[in-house]
Protein backbone atom coordinates (compact mmCIF):
# COMPACT_ATOMS: atom_id res chain seq x y z
CA ALA A 1 -49.23 -30.28 -84.48
CA ALA A 2 -49.04 -29.44 -88.16
CA SER A 3 -45.31 -28.64 -87.93
CA GLY A 4 -44.51 -32.13 -86.70
CA LYS A 5 -42.74 -30.80 -83.62
CA PHE A 6 -45.22 -32.46 -81.25
CA ASP A 7 -46.81 -35.91 -81.33
CA LYS A 8 -50.10 -34.58 -80.00
CA VAL A 9 -51.54 -31.20 -79.03
CA VAL A 10 -54.55 -30.69 -76.74
CA GLY A 11 -56.44 -27.40 -76.85
CA ILE A 12 -58.56 -26.62 -73.75
CA ASP A 13 -61.10 -23.86 -73.22
CA VAL A 14 -63.97 -23.32 -70.77
CA SER A 15 -66.21 -22.27 -73.67
CA GLN A 16 -67.56 -25.05 -75.88
CA GLN A 17 -68.58 -22.41 -78.45
CA ALA A 18 -64.99 -21.09 -78.62
CA LEU A 19 -63.74 -24.63 -79.17
CA ASP A 20 -66.31 -25.31 -81.83
CA ASN A 21 -65.46 -22.13 -83.72
CA GLY A 22 -61.62 -22.06 -83.33
CA GLY A 23 -61.09 -25.80 -83.08
CA LEU A 24 -63.01 -26.64 -86.22
CA ARG A 25 -61.22 -23.91 -88.22
CA PHE A 26 -57.84 -25.16 -86.97
CA GLU A 27 -58.71 -28.79 -87.70
CA ASN A 28 -59.73 -27.93 -91.29
CA GLU A 29 -56.50 -25.95 -91.83
CA LEU A 30 -54.46 -28.83 -90.38
CA ARG A 31 -56.15 -31.34 -92.70
CA GLU A 32 -55.44 -29.11 -95.69
CA ASN A 33 -51.81 -28.69 -94.65
CA LEU A 34 -51.34 -32.44 -94.24
CA LEU A 35 -53.12 -33.19 -97.52
CA ASP A 36 -50.87 -30.68 -99.32
CA ARG A 37 -47.84 -32.49 -97.91
CA HIS A 38 -49.34 -35.97 -98.59
CA LEU A 39 -49.20 -36.75 -94.87
CA PHE A 40 -52.94 -37.02 -94.20
CA SER A 41 -54.07 -39.50 -91.62
CA SER A 42 -57.52 -40.03 -90.21
CA ASN A 43 -56.01 -39.68 -86.73
CA LEU A 44 -55.15 -36.00 -86.39
CA PRO A 45 -52.55 -35.21 -83.70
CA VAL A 46 -54.79 -32.57 -82.11
CA ALA A 47 -57.69 -32.77 -79.70
CA PHE A 48 -59.98 -30.10 -78.26
CA ARG A 49 -61.54 -30.41 -74.82
CA CYS A 50 -63.98 -28.28 -72.89
CA GLY A 51 -62.99 -27.76 -69.26
CA SER A 52 -61.36 -25.59 -66.70
CA GLY A 53 -57.61 -25.31 -66.61
CA LEU A 54 -55.65 -28.55 -66.47
CA SER A 55 -58.50 -30.62 -65.03
CA VAL A 56 -59.30 -32.35 -68.35
CA LEU A 57 -55.79 -33.77 -68.75
CA GLU A 58 -54.75 -37.18 -67.48
CA PRO A 59 -51.62 -37.70 -65.36
CA GLY A 60 -48.63 -38.11 -67.68
CA GLU A 61 -50.52 -36.85 -70.71
CA ALA A 62 -48.66 -33.55 -71.10
CA ASP A 63 -44.91 -32.93 -71.19
CA ILE A 64 -45.32 -29.22 -71.79
CA VAL A 65 -48.13 -26.87 -70.77
CA CYS A 66 -48.63 -23.47 -72.41
CA ILE A 67 -51.02 -21.14 -70.61
CA ALA A 68 -51.91 -18.07 -72.64
CA GLY A 69 -54.65 -15.61 -73.59
CA MET A 70 -55.97 -14.92 -70.08
CA GLY A 71 -55.33 -12.64 -67.11
CA SER A 72 -52.79 -13.23 -64.36
CA ARG A 73 -55.42 -14.15 -61.76
CA THR A 74 -56.82 -16.87 -64.01
CA ILE A 75 -53.33 -18.22 -64.65
CA LEU A 76 -52.57 -18.27 -60.91
CA ASP A 77 -55.84 -20.06 -60.26
CA ILE A 78 -54.91 -22.74 -62.80
CA LEU A 79 -51.41 -23.13 -61.37
CA SER A 80 -52.66 -23.34 -57.80
CA THR A 81 -55.43 -25.90 -58.45
CA ARG A 82 -55.00 -29.11 -56.53
CA SER A 83 -56.20 -32.59 -57.48
CA SER A 84 -59.43 -33.58 -55.82
CA THR A 85 -58.14 -37.10 -55.31
CA SER A 86 -54.47 -36.71 -54.28
CA GLY A 87 -54.35 -33.11 -53.09
CA ALA A 88 -51.23 -32.56 -55.23
CA PHE A 89 -50.95 -29.53 -57.52
CA LEU A 90 -52.43 -30.58 -60.90
CA LEU A 91 -49.31 -29.41 -62.70
CA ASP A 92 -47.17 -31.72 -60.53
CA GLU A 93 -49.59 -34.62 -60.84
CA LEU A 94 -49.58 -34.34 -64.62
CA GLY A 95 -45.79 -34.85 -64.63
CA CYS A 96 -45.11 -31.83 -66.84
CA GLN A 97 -41.50 -31.06 -67.53
CA SER A 98 -42.00 -27.54 -68.89
CA LEU A 99 -44.40 -24.62 -68.39
CA ILE A 100 -44.73 -21.77 -70.84
CA LEU A 101 -46.53 -18.61 -69.79
């Protein structure tokens, strides 16, 4: 988000404590970076959400998904999760164009 390569970045973790610790540190560094470059805005292009896998994203919200920092079983569980409403794979329902593992 700070590089300007993405309009918005969403960080997701199952641990609220991990988000509070890492997310707050990242948000402060991002603010400082933007202030140094005189690009500060009250609407930061990053959001942090507590949840499991892709379930906290809305359809069409993500063009690219990066799944990292976990074991292969967890990654496979995330990729094989189906929507509770449509039955489609969440990754397909989200309309993602790219997946980075």
